[in-house]
C-alpha atoms as a PDB file:
ATOM      1  CA  MET A   1       5.552   6.407 -23.896  1.00  0.00           C
ATOM      2  CA  SER A   2       6.209   5.025 -20.243  1.00  0.00           C
ATOM      3  CA  ASN A   3       9.125   2.767 -19.352  1.00  0.00           C
ATOM      4  CA  SER A   4       7.831  -0.571 -18.241  1.00  0.00           C
ATOM      5  CA  SER A   5      11.347  -1.247 -16.447  1.00  0.00           C
ATOM      6  CA  ALA A   6      11.187   2.031 -14.418  1.00  0.00           C
ATOM      7  CA  PRO A   7      10.118   1.747 -11.002  1.00  0.00           C
ATOM      8  CA  LEU A   8       6.320   2.948 -10.264  1.00  0.00           C
ATOM      9  CA  PHE A   9       7.453   5.534  -7.776  1.00  0.00           C
ATOM     10  CA  ASP A  10      10.758   6.611  -7.236  1.00  0.00           C
ATOM     11  CA  ILE A  11      10.714   8.304  -3.660  1.00  0.00           C
ATOM     12  CA  ASP A  12      14.395  10.151  -2.932  1.00  0.00           C
ATOM     13  CA  GLN A  13      15.447  11.747   0.047  1.00  0.00           C
ATOM     14  CA  LEU A  14      11.618  12.524   1.065  1.00  0.00           C
ATOM     15  CA  ARG A  15      11.365  14.767   3.809  1.00  0.00           C
ATOM     16  CA  ILE A  16       8.074  14.777   5.583  1.00  0.00           C
ATOM     17  CA  GLY A  17       6.051  17.039   8.025  1.00  0.00           C
ATOM     18  CA  TYR A  18       4.217  20.068   9.369  1.00  0.00           C
ATOM     19  CA  HIS A  19       4.679  23.887   9.461  1.00  0.00           C
ATOM     20  CA  GLY A  20       8.575  23.054   8.444  1.00  0.00           C
ATOM     21  CA  ARG A  21       9.152  20.257  10.860  1.00  0.00           C
ATOM     22  CA  ALA A  22      10.302  16.992   9.616  1.00  0.00           C
ATOM     23  CA  LEU A  23       8.968  14.079  11.790  1.00  0.00           C
ATOM     24  CA  LEU A  24      11.431  11.759  10.157  1.00  0.00           C
ATOM     25  CA  PRO A  25      15.028  11.723   8.721  1.00  0.00           C
ATOM     26  CA  PRO A  26      15.131  11.270   4.681  1.00  0.00           C
ATOM     27  CA  VAL A  27      13.181   8.701   3.514  1.00  0.00           C
ATOM     28  CA  SER A  28      14.368   6.919   0.092  1.00  0.00           C
ATOM     29  CA  PHE A  29      13.106   3.506  -1.753  1.00  0.00           C
ATOM     30  CA  GLU A  30      11.545   2.452  -4.967  1.00  0.00           C
ATOM     31  CA  LEU A  31       8.363   1.023  -5.661  1.00  0.00           C
ATOM     32  CA  ARG A  32       8.206  -1.658  -8.437  1.00  0.00           C
ATOM     33  CA  GLU A  33       5.843  -3.481 -10.047  1.00  0.00           C
ATOM     34  CA  ASN A  34       5.374  -7.444  -8.143  1.00  0.00           C
ATOM     35  CA  GLN A  35       6.432  -5.944  -4.800  1.00  0.00           C
ATOM     36  CA  PHE A  36       4.198  -5.903  -1.258  1.00  0.00           C
ATOM     37  CA  TRP A  37       5.295  -3.135   0.661  1.00  0.00           C
ATOM     38  CA  MET A  38       4.547  -3.174   4.297  1.00  0.00           C
ATOM     39  CA  ILE A  39       4.994  -0.102   6.391  1.00  0.00           C
ATOM     40  CA  LEU A  40       5.649  -0.688  10.286  1.00  0.00           C
ATOM     41  CA  GLY A  41       6.140   1.706  13.213  1.00  0.00           C
ATOM     42  CA  PRO A  42       4.723   3.124  16.549  1.00  0.00           C
ATOM     43  CA  ASN A  43       1.485   5.112  16.541  1.00  0.00           C
ATOM     44  CA  GLY A  44       2.495   8.514  15.332  1.00  0.00           C
ATOM     45  CA  ALA A  45       5.400   7.693  13.558  1.00  0.00           C
ATOM     46  CA  GLY A  46       4.813   9.334  10.237  1.00  0.00           C
ATOM     47  CA  LYS A  47       3.493   6.603   8.169  1.00  0.00           C
ATOM     48  CA  SER A  48       0.056   8.260   6.701  1.00  0.00           C
ATOM     49  CA  THR A  49       1.923  11.214   6.280  1.00  0.00           C
ATOM     50  CA  LEU A  50       4.205   9.416   4.150  1.00  0.00           C
ATOM     51  CA  ILE A  51       1.733   7.846   2.174  1.00  0.00           C
ATOM     52  CA  ARG A  52      -0.218  11.294   2.118  1.00  0.00           C
ATOM     53  CA  SER A  53       3.300  12.821   0.396  1.00  0.00           C
ATOM     54  CA  ILE A  54       3.806  10.162  -2.047  1.00  0.00           C
ATOM     55  CA  LEU A  55       0.369  10.313  -3.331  1.00  0.00           C
ATOM     56  CA  GLY A  56       0.502  14.216  -3.660  1.00  0.00           C
ATOM     57  CA  LEU A  57      -2.199  14.985  -0.792  1.00  0.00           C
ATOM     58  CA  LEU A  58       0.615  16.530   1.511  1.00  0.00           C
ATOM     59  CA  ARG A  59       3.424  18.555   0.398  1.00  0.00           C
ATOM     60  CA  PRO A  60       6.960  17.443   1.413  1.00  0.00           C
ATOM     61  CA  LEU A  61       9.461  19.589   3.336  1.00  0.00           C
ATOM     62  CA  SER A  62      11.997  18.847   0.674  1.00  0.00           C
ATOM     63  CA  GLY A  63      13.032  15.537  -1.614  1.00  0.00           C
ATOM     64  CA  SER A  64      11.025  14.188  -4.643  1.00  0.00           C
ATOM     65  CA  VAL A  65       8.876  11.953  -5.581  1.00  0.00           C
ATOM     66  CA  ALA A  66       8.984  10.571  -9.337  1.00  0.00           C
ATOM     67  CA  ARG A  67       5.994   8.948 -10.706  1.00  0.00           C
ATOM     68  CA  ARG A  68       6.254   6.635 -13.608  1.00  0.00           C
ATOM     69  CA  GLU A  69       4.330   8.267 -16.582  1.00  0.00           C
ATOM     70  CA  GLY A  70       0.548   6.824 -17.175  1.00  0.00           C
ATOM     71  CA  ILE A  71      -0.286   4.851 -14.165  1.00  0.00           C
ATOM     72  CA  HIS A  72      -2.915   5.295 -11.575  1.00  0.00           C
ATOM     73  CA  CYS A  73      -2.955   4.517  -7.821  1.00  0.00           C
ATOM     74  CA  ALA A  74      -6.044   3.494  -5.663  1.00  0.00           C
ATOM     75  CA  TYR A  75      -6.039   4.346  -2.033  1.00  0.00           C
ATOM     76  CA  ILE A  76      -7.855   2.271   0.447  1.00  0.00           C
ATOM     77  CA  PRO A  77      -8.818   4.057   3.843  1.00  0.00           C
ATOM     78  CA  GLN A  78      -9.535   2.508   7.138  1.00  0.00           C
ATOM     79  CA  GLN A  79     -13.057   3.970   6.895  1.00  0.00           C
ATOM     80  CA  MET A  80     -14.959   3.914   4.020  1.00  0.00           C
ATOM     81  CA  GLY A  81     -16.950   7.672   3.128  1.00  0.00           C
ATOM     82  CA  PHE A  82     -20.067   6.028   1.842  1.00  0.00           C
ATOM     83  CA  ASP A  83     -23.495   7.369   3.257  1.00  0.00           C
ATOM     84  CA  PRO A  84     -25.012   3.961   4.415  1.00  0.00           C
ATOM     85  CA  ILE A  85     -28.360   5.605   3.544  1.00  0.00           C
ATOM     86  CA  TYR A  86     -27.476   4.902  -0.255  1.00  0.00           C
ATOM     87  CA  PRO A  87     -28.533   1.894  -1.498  1.00  0.00           C
ATOM     88  CA  LEU A  88     -25.323   0.887  -3.173  1.00  0.00           C
ATOM     89  CA  ARG A  89     -25.078  -2.706  -4.464  1.00  0.00           C
ATOM     90  CA  VAL A  90     -21.285  -4.068  -4.456  1.00  0.00           C
ATOM     91  CA  ARG A  91     -21.071  -4.055  -8.305  1.00  0.00           C
ATOM     92  CA  ASP A  92     -22.012  -0.073  -8.037  1.00  0.00           C
ATOM     93  CA  VAL A  93     -19.051   0.358  -5.548  1.00  0.00           C
ATOM     94  CA  LEU A  94     -16.624  -1.658  -8.129  1.00  0.00           C
ATOM     95  CA  ARG A  95     -17.952   0.261 -10.860  1.00  0.00           C
ATOM     96  CA  MET A  96     -17.277   3.652  -9.060  1.00  0.00           C
ATOM     97  CA  GLY A  97     -13.181   2.820  -9.047  1.00  0.00           C
ATOM     98  CA  CYS A  98     -13.498   3.197 -12.799  1.00  0.00           C
ATOM     99  CA  GLN A  99     -15.411   6.322 -13.233  1.00  0.00           C
ATOM    100  CA  ARG A 100     -12.588   8.715 -14.372  1.00  0.00           C
ATOM    101  CA  GLY A 101     -11.481  10.498 -17.502  1.00  0.00           C
ATOM    102  CA  TRP A 102     -14.930   9.685 -19.171  1.00  0.00           C
ATOM    103  CA  SER A 103     -17.017  12.610 -21.208  1.00  0.00           C
ATOM    104  CA  SER A 104     -20.038  12.855 -24.006  1.00  0.00           C
ATOM    105  CA  LEU A 105     -16.960  12.050 -26.410  1.00  0.00           C
ATOM    106  CA  ASN A 106     -15.702   8.963 -24.435  1.00  0.00           C
ATOM    107  CA  PRO A 107     -18.457   7.409 -22.180  1.00  0.00           C
ATOM    108  CA  PHE A 108     -18.272   5.242 -19.486  1.00  0.00           C
ATOM    109  CA  SER A 109     -19.044   1.763 -19.536  1.00  0.00           C
ATOM    110  CA  GLY A 110     -17.575   0.202 -16.803  1.00  0.00           C
ATOM    111  CA  PRO A 111     -15.924  -3.226 -16.156  1.00  0.00           C
ATOM    112  CA  GLY A 112     -18.025  -6.647 -16.943  1.00  0.00           C
ATOM    113  CA  ARG A 113     -19.442  -8.623 -14.659  1.00  0.00           C
ATOM    114  CA  ALA A 114     -16.964 -11.683 -15.451  1.00  0.00           C
ATOM    115  CA  GLU A 115     -14.235  -8.949 -14.344  1.00  0.00           C
ATOM    116  CA  MET A 116     -15.997  -8.106 -11.391  1.00  0.00           C
ATOM    117  CA  GLU A 117     -16.636 -11.552 -10.219  1.00  0.00           C
ATOM    118  CA  GLU A 118     -12.964 -12.660 -10.777  1.00  0.00           C
ATOM    119  CA  ALA A 119     -12.004  -9.776  -9.016  1.00  0.00           C
ATOM    120  CA  LEU A 120     -13.984 -10.647  -6.010  1.00  0.00           C
ATOM    121  CA  ALA A 121     -12.829 -14.121  -6.052  1.00  0.00           C
ATOM    122  CA  ASP A 122      -9.238 -12.987  -6.120  1.00  0.00           C
ATOM    123  CA  VAL A 123     -10.150 -11.564  -2.895  1.00  0.00           C
ATOM    124  CA  GLY A 124     -11.771 -14.257  -1.113  1.00  0.00           C
ATOM    125  CA  VAL A 125     -15.519 -12.905  -1.780  1.00  0.00           C
ATOM    126  CA  PRO A 126     -17.201 -14.381  -4.397  1.00  0.00           C
ATOM    127  CA  GLY A 127     -21.002 -14.386  -5.090  1.00  0.00           C
ATOM    128  CA  VAL A 128     -21.500 -10.736  -3.466  1.00  0.00           C
ATOM    129  CA  LEU A 129     -22.095  -8.872  -6.563  1.00  0.00           C
ATOM    130  CA  ILE A 130     -25.316  -8.161  -6.205  1.00  0.00           C
ATOM    131  CA  ARG A 131     -25.618  -7.672  -2.407  1.00  0.00           C
ATOM    132  CA  ARG A 132     -26.126  -4.330  -0.570  1.00  0.00           C
ATOM    133  CA  PHE A 133     -22.747  -3.235   0.256  1.00  0.00           C
ATOM    134  CA  PHE A 134     -23.738  -2.106   3.699  1.00  0.00           C
ATOM    135  CA  ASP A 135     -24.887  -5.752   4.883  1.00  0.00           C
ATOM    136  CA  LEU A 136     -21.630  -6.861   4.426  1.00  0.00           C
ATOM    137  CA  SER A 137     -19.254  -7.288   7.462  1.00  0.00           C
ATOM    138  CA  ASP A 138     -16.545  -4.699   7.878  1.00  0.00           C
ATOM    139  CA  GLY A 139     -13.856  -7.470   6.535  1.00  0.00           C
ATOM    140  CA  GLN A 140     -15.911  -8.368   3.613  1.00  0.00           C
ATOM    141  CA  LYS A 141     -15.896  -4.368   2.699  1.00  0.00           C
ATOM    142  CA  GLN A 142     -12.327  -4.053   2.524  1.00  0.00           C
ATOM    143  CA  ARG A 143     -11.911  -6.590   0.406  1.00  0.00           C
ATOM    144  CA  VAL A 144     -14.717  -5.399  -1.763  1.00  0.00           C
ATOM    145  CA  MET A 145     -12.460  -2.152  -1.878  1.00  0.00           C
ATOM    146  CA  VAL A 146      -9.071  -4.088  -2.774  1.00  0.00           C
ATOM    147  CA  ALA A 147     -11.480  -5.951  -5.970  1.00  0.00           C
ATOM    148  CA  ARG A 148     -12.411  -2.113  -6.821  1.00  0.00           C
ATOM    149  CA  ALA A 149      -8.654  -1.374  -7.022  1.00  0.00           C
ATOM    150  CA  LEU A 150      -8.469  -4.139  -8.988  1.00  0.00           C
ATOM    151  CA  VAL A 151     -10.917  -3.632 -11.795  1.00  0.00           C
ATOM    152  CA  SER A 152      -9.921   0.102 -11.862  1.00  0.00           C
ATOM    153  CA  GLY A 153      -6.561  -1.380 -13.373  1.00  0.00           C
ATOM    154  CA  ALA A 154      -4.258   0.552 -10.621  1.00  0.00           C
ATOM    155  CA  SER A 155      -0.565  -0.072 -10.645  1.00  0.00           C
ATOM    156  CA  LEU A 156      -0.245   1.193  -6.868  1.00  0.00           C
ATOM    157  CA  ILE A 157      -2.716   0.031  -4.158  1.00  0.00           C
ATOM    158  CA  VAL A 158      -2.119   1.952  -1.204  1.00  0.00           C
ATOM    159  CA  MET A 159      -3.797   0.737   2.333  1.00  0.00           C
ATOM    160  CA  ASP A 160      -3.995   1.813   5.726  1.00  0.00           C
ATOM    161  CA  GLU A 161      -4.627  -0.809   7.972  1.00  0.00           C
ATOM    162  CA  PRO A 162      -6.985  -2.801   6.096  1.00  0.00           C
ATOM    163  CA  THR A 163      -6.910  -5.733   8.704  1.00  0.00           C
ATOM    164  CA  ALA A 164      -7.703  -3.883  11.572  1.00  0.00           C
ATOM    165  CA  ALA A 165     -11.429  -4.758  11.667  1.00  0.00           C
ATOM    166  CA  MET A 166     -10.538  -8.432  10.958  1.00  0.00           C
ATOM    167  CA  ASP A 167     -10.097 -11.355  13.287  1.00  0.00           C
ATOM    168  CA  PRO A 168      -6.851 -13.002  13.153  1.00  0.00           C
ATOM    169  CA  GLN A 169      -7.801 -15.568  10.590  1.00  0.00           C
ATOM    170  CA  GLY A 170      -9.320 -13.210   8.287  1.00  0.00           C
ATOM    171  CA  GLU A 171      -6.488 -11.161   8.457  1.00  0.00           C
ATOM    172  CA  GLU A 172      -4.278 -14.215   7.722  1.00  0.00           C
ATOM    173  CA  GLU A 173      -6.300 -14.960   4.723  1.00  0.00           C
ATOM    174  CA  ILE A 174      -6.573 -11.181   3.195  1.00  0.00           C
ATOM    175  CA  LEU A 175      -2.693 -10.920   3.420  1.00  0.00           C
ATOM    176  CA  ARG A 176      -2.026 -14.050   2.096  1.00  0.00           C
ATOM    177  CA  ARG A 177      -4.507 -13.087  -1.021  1.00  0.00           C
ATOM    178  CA  LEU A 178      -2.696  -9.588  -1.155  1.00  0.00           C
ATOM    179  CA  ALA A 179       0.496 -11.172  -1.339  1.00  0.00           C
ATOM    180  CA  LYS A 180      -0.471 -13.345  -4.362  1.00  0.00           C
ATOM    181  CA  LEU A 181      -1.762 -10.683  -6.284  1.00  0.00           C
ATOM    182  CA  ALA A 182       1.319  -8.486  -5.774  1.00  0.00           C
ATOM    183  CA  LYS A 183       3.051 -11.735  -7.180  1.00  0.00           C
ATOM    184  CA  THR A 184       0.588 -12.327 -10.024  1.00  0.00           C
ATOM    185  CA  ARG A 185      -0.574  -9.099 -11.207  1.00  0.00           C
ATOM    186  CA  PRO A 186       1.084  -6.127 -13.018  1.00  0.00           C
ATOM    187  CA  LEU A 187       0.926  -3.619  -9.713  1.00  0.00           C
ATOM    188  CA  ALA A 188       2.303  -3.158  -6.300  1.00  0.00           C
ATOM    189  CA  ILE A 189       0.977  -3.007  -2.433  1.00  0.00           C
ATOM    190  CA  LEU A 190       1.824  -0.554  -0.223  1.00  0.00           C
ATOM    191  CA  MET A 191       0.272  -1.233   3.539  1.00  0.00           C
ATOM    192  CA  ILE A 192       0.457   0.635   6.746  1.00  0.00           C
ATOM    193  CA  THR A 193      -0.167  -2.328   9.265  1.00  0.00           C
ATOM    194  CA  HIS A 194       1.043  -3.161  12.958  1.00  0.00           C
ATOM    195  CA  TYR A 195       0.991  -6.739  12.171  1.00  0.00           C
ATOM    196  CA  ALA A 196       4.831  -6.941  11.957  1.00  0.00           C
ATOM    197  CA  ASP A 197       4.983 -10.701  12.117  1.00  0.00           C
ATOM    198  CA  ALA A 198       3.248 -11.168   8.912  1.00  0.00           C
ATOM    199  CA  ALA A 199       5.993  -9.535   7.391  1.00  0.00           C
ATOM    200  CA  PRO A 200       8.318 -12.060   6.895  1.00  0.00           C
ATOM    201  CA  ARG A 201       5.454 -14.318   5.444  1.00  0.00           C
ATOM    202  CA  TYR A 202       3.579 -12.049   2.904  1.00  0.00           C
ATOM    203  CA  ALA A 203       6.000  -8.865   2.117  1.00  0.00           C
ATOM    204  CA  THR A 204       8.592  -8.615  -0.146  1.00  0.00           C
ATOM    205  CA  HIS A 205       9.812  -5.573   1.315  1.00  0.00           C
ATOM    206  CA  VAL A 206       9.342  -3.265   4.580  1.00  0.00           C
ATOM    207  CA  LEU A 207       9.715   0.128   5.246  1.00  0.00           C
ATOM    208  CA  TYR A 208      10.221   0.680   9.304  1.00  0.00           C
ATOM    209  CA  LEU A 209       9.478   4.576  10.516  1.00  0.00           C
ATOM    210  CA  ASP A 210      10.288   5.750  13.844  1.00  0.00           C
ATOM    211  CA  ASN A 211      10.343   8.962  14.706  1.00  0.00           C
ATOM    212  CA  HIS A 212      11.279   8.607  18.184  1.00  0.00           C
ATOM    213  CA  THR A 213      14.636   6.991  17.563  1.00  0.00           C
ATOM    214  CA  GLN A 214      14.390   9.129  14.050  1.00  0.00           C
ATOM    215  CA  VAL A 215      15.336   5.663  12.352  1.00  0.00           C
ATOM    216  CA  VAL A 216      13.861   4.883   8.799  1.00  0.00           C
ATOM    217  CA  LEU A 217      15.004   1.280   7.195  1.00  0.00           C
ATOM    218  CA  ALA A 218      13.801   0.095   4.191  1.00  0.00           C
ATOM    219  CA  GLY A 219      14.393  -3.688   2.519  1.00  0.00           C
ATOM    220  CA  GLU A 220      13.840  -7.046   2.352  1.00  0.00           C
ATOM    221  CA  PRO A 221      12.024  -8.522   5.540  1.00  0.00           C
ATOM    222  CA  ASP A 222      15.128 -10.481   7.019  1.00  0.00           C
ATOM    223  CA  GLU A 223      17.059  -7.253   6.233  1.00  0.00           C
ATOM    224  CA  VAL A 224      15.041  -4.790   8.452  1.00  0.00           C
ATOM    225  CA  PHE A 225      14.201  -7.050  10.836  1.00  0.00           C
ATOM    226  CA  SER A 226      17.774  -7.717  11.947  1.00  0.00           C
ATOM    227  CA  ALA A 227      18.583  -4.431  12.496  1.00  0.00           C
ATOM    228  CA  ASP A 228      19.340  -3.723  16.187  1.00  0.00           C
ATOM    229  CA  SER A 229      16.955  -0.213  15.725  1.00  0.00           C
ATOM    230  CA  PHE A 230      14.145  -2.695  14.751  1.00  0.00           C
ATOM    231  CA  ARG A 231      14.674  -5.629  16.855  1.00  0.00           C
ATOM    232  CA  HIS A 232      14.979  -3.280  19.872  1.00  0.00           C
ATOM    233  CA  ARG A 233      11.222  -1.707  19.768  1.00  0.00           C
ATOM    234  CA  TYR A 234      10.048  -5.238  18.336  1.00  0.00           C
ATOM    235  CA  ALA A 235      11.975  -7.972  20.158  1.00  0.00           C
ATOM    236  CA  HIS A 236       9.110  -8.779  22.592  1.00  0.00           C
ATOM    237  CA  HIS A 237       6.819  -9.540  19.723  1.00  0.00           C
ATOM    238  CA  LEU A 238       8.909 -11.420  17.237  1.00  0.00           C
ATOM    239  CA  HIS A 239      10.212 -15.185  17.287  1.00  0.00           C
ATOM    240  CA  ASP A 240      13.371 -16.213  15.460  1.00  0.00           C
ATOM    241  CA  GLU A 241      11.924 -17.544  12.424  1.00  0.00           C
ATOM    242  CA  CYS A 242      10.250 -13.829  11.950  1.00  0.00           C
ATOM    243  CA  CYS A 243      13.762 -12.994  10.104  1.00  0.00           C
ATOM    244  CA  ASP A 244      13.538 -16.015   8.175  1.00  0.00           C
ATOM    245  CA  PRO A 245      12.930 -14.834   4.003  1.00  0.00           C
ATOM    246  CA  PRO A 246       9.353 -14.501   3.543  1.00  0.00           C
ATOM    247  CA  GLY A 247       6.846 -17.115   2.557  1.00  0.00           C
ATOM    248  CA  ALA A 248       5.249 -15.674  -0.195  1.00  0.00           C
ATOM    249  CA  GLY A 249       8.120 -16.005  -2.418  1.00  0.00           C
ATOM    250  CA  PRO A 250      11.043 -14.149  -3.805  1.00  0.00           C
ATOM    251  CA  ALA A 251      10.392 -10.449  -5.125  1.00  0.00           C
ATOM    252  CA  ALA A 252      10.310 -10.144  -8.730  1.00  0.00           C
ATOM    253  CA  GLU A 253      12.830  -7.194  -8.538  1.00  0.00           C
ATOM    254  CA  PRO A 254      16.211  -6.691  -7.024  1.00  0.00           C
ATOM    255  CA  ALA A 255      15.659  -6.133  -3.028  1.00  0.00           C
ATOM    256  CA  ALA A 256      16.057  -2.118  -1.964  1.00  0.00           C
ATOM    257  CA  THR A 257      19.244  -1.551  -0.129  1.00  0.00           C
ATOM    258  CA  LEU A 258      18.584  -1.567   3.421  1.00  0.00           C
ATOM    259  CA  ARG A 259      19.187   2.429   4.540  1.00  0.00           C
ATOM    260  CA  ASP A 260      19.572   3.842   7.957  1.00  0.00           C
ATOM    261  CA  ALA A 261      18.563   7.243   6.646  1.00  0.00           C
ATOM    262  CA  THR A 262      19.413   9.417   9.634  1.00  0.00           C
ATOM    263  CA  ALA A 263      22.488  10.871   7.918  1.00  0.00           C
ATOM    264  CA  ALA A 264      21.144  11.419   4.618  1.00  0.00           C
ATOM    265  CA  THR A 265      20.810  14.950   3.185  1.00  0.00           C
ATOM    266  CA  PRO A 266      17.462  16.316   1.405  1.00  0.00           C
ATOM    267  CA  THR A 267      17.442  17.431  -2.033  1.00  0.00           C
ATOM    268  CA  ALA A 268      15.409  19.747  -3.937  1.00  0.00           C
ATOM    269  CA  LEU A 269      11.466  18.876  -4.573  1.00  0.00           C
ATOM    270  CA  ARG A 270      11.344  17.771  -8.262  1.00  0.00           C
ATOM    271  CA  ALA A 271       8.244  16.272  -8.685  1.00  0.00           C
ATOM    272  CA  GLN A 272       4.568  16.032  -7.239  1.00  0.00           C
ATOM    273  CA  ASP A 273       1.791  14.050  -8.406  1.00  0.00           C
ATOM    274  CA  GLY A 274      -2.167  13.637  -6.832  1.00  0.00           C
ATOM    275  CA  VAL A 275      -4.234  10.443  -6.823  1.00  0.00           C
ATOM    276  CA  SER A 276      -5.538   9.675 -10.046  1.00  0.00           C
END
């Protein structure tokens, strides 16, 4: 039986990289329900590599990823892999997110219409259930993918720059909705973004990675944003109010301790789990 008070993921002294060469110092943080983590850092800092390692798609060099029993994750990439020739409707895309673990003895029924409509409304695209998926804008498609994660019952939604194709207004709206989902539903969100200004307003926690200066910081936005190593890189992008507490409200769990992990010591690999 799973323990609902345990973190969804416990990342401990995780060293990521390729061919035996680490990209970053060891990374340690916990992912808990009702948290919205934004991963910030320059291009090539290892953000996508870290996500792949956490989800079990890439074997880390050392360290551990402990996953709460009985949960599953939803991953939303920058680009969808659907063939535009296939006449998918939005409802088909939503149902795809629920097609796991079914057989002749456990037939697939899928989410009901009301559940799908509720999820679409929660992400800001009501009334599109029977529209062709490829007739939607890129921003609307990303919202549908978030709705798919919701109807799948995912405990962790992992997103790789989901707002890259959106205009500033659309970006603000989806971040506001994601912050609300993380606060009101039994899930957590882990999102890669370059939109540093938004983190204090919407994120409960920030993970900052910089492979050039070999710095890893994890904690609440005001803690991370006040660190000298962070301000040195982002000072020209940020305003003083960016270091105020996030406007999305306090986190449901205690904040992670701010860590500069340059001196951390890796531990032996303890567990790996794939995306499910």
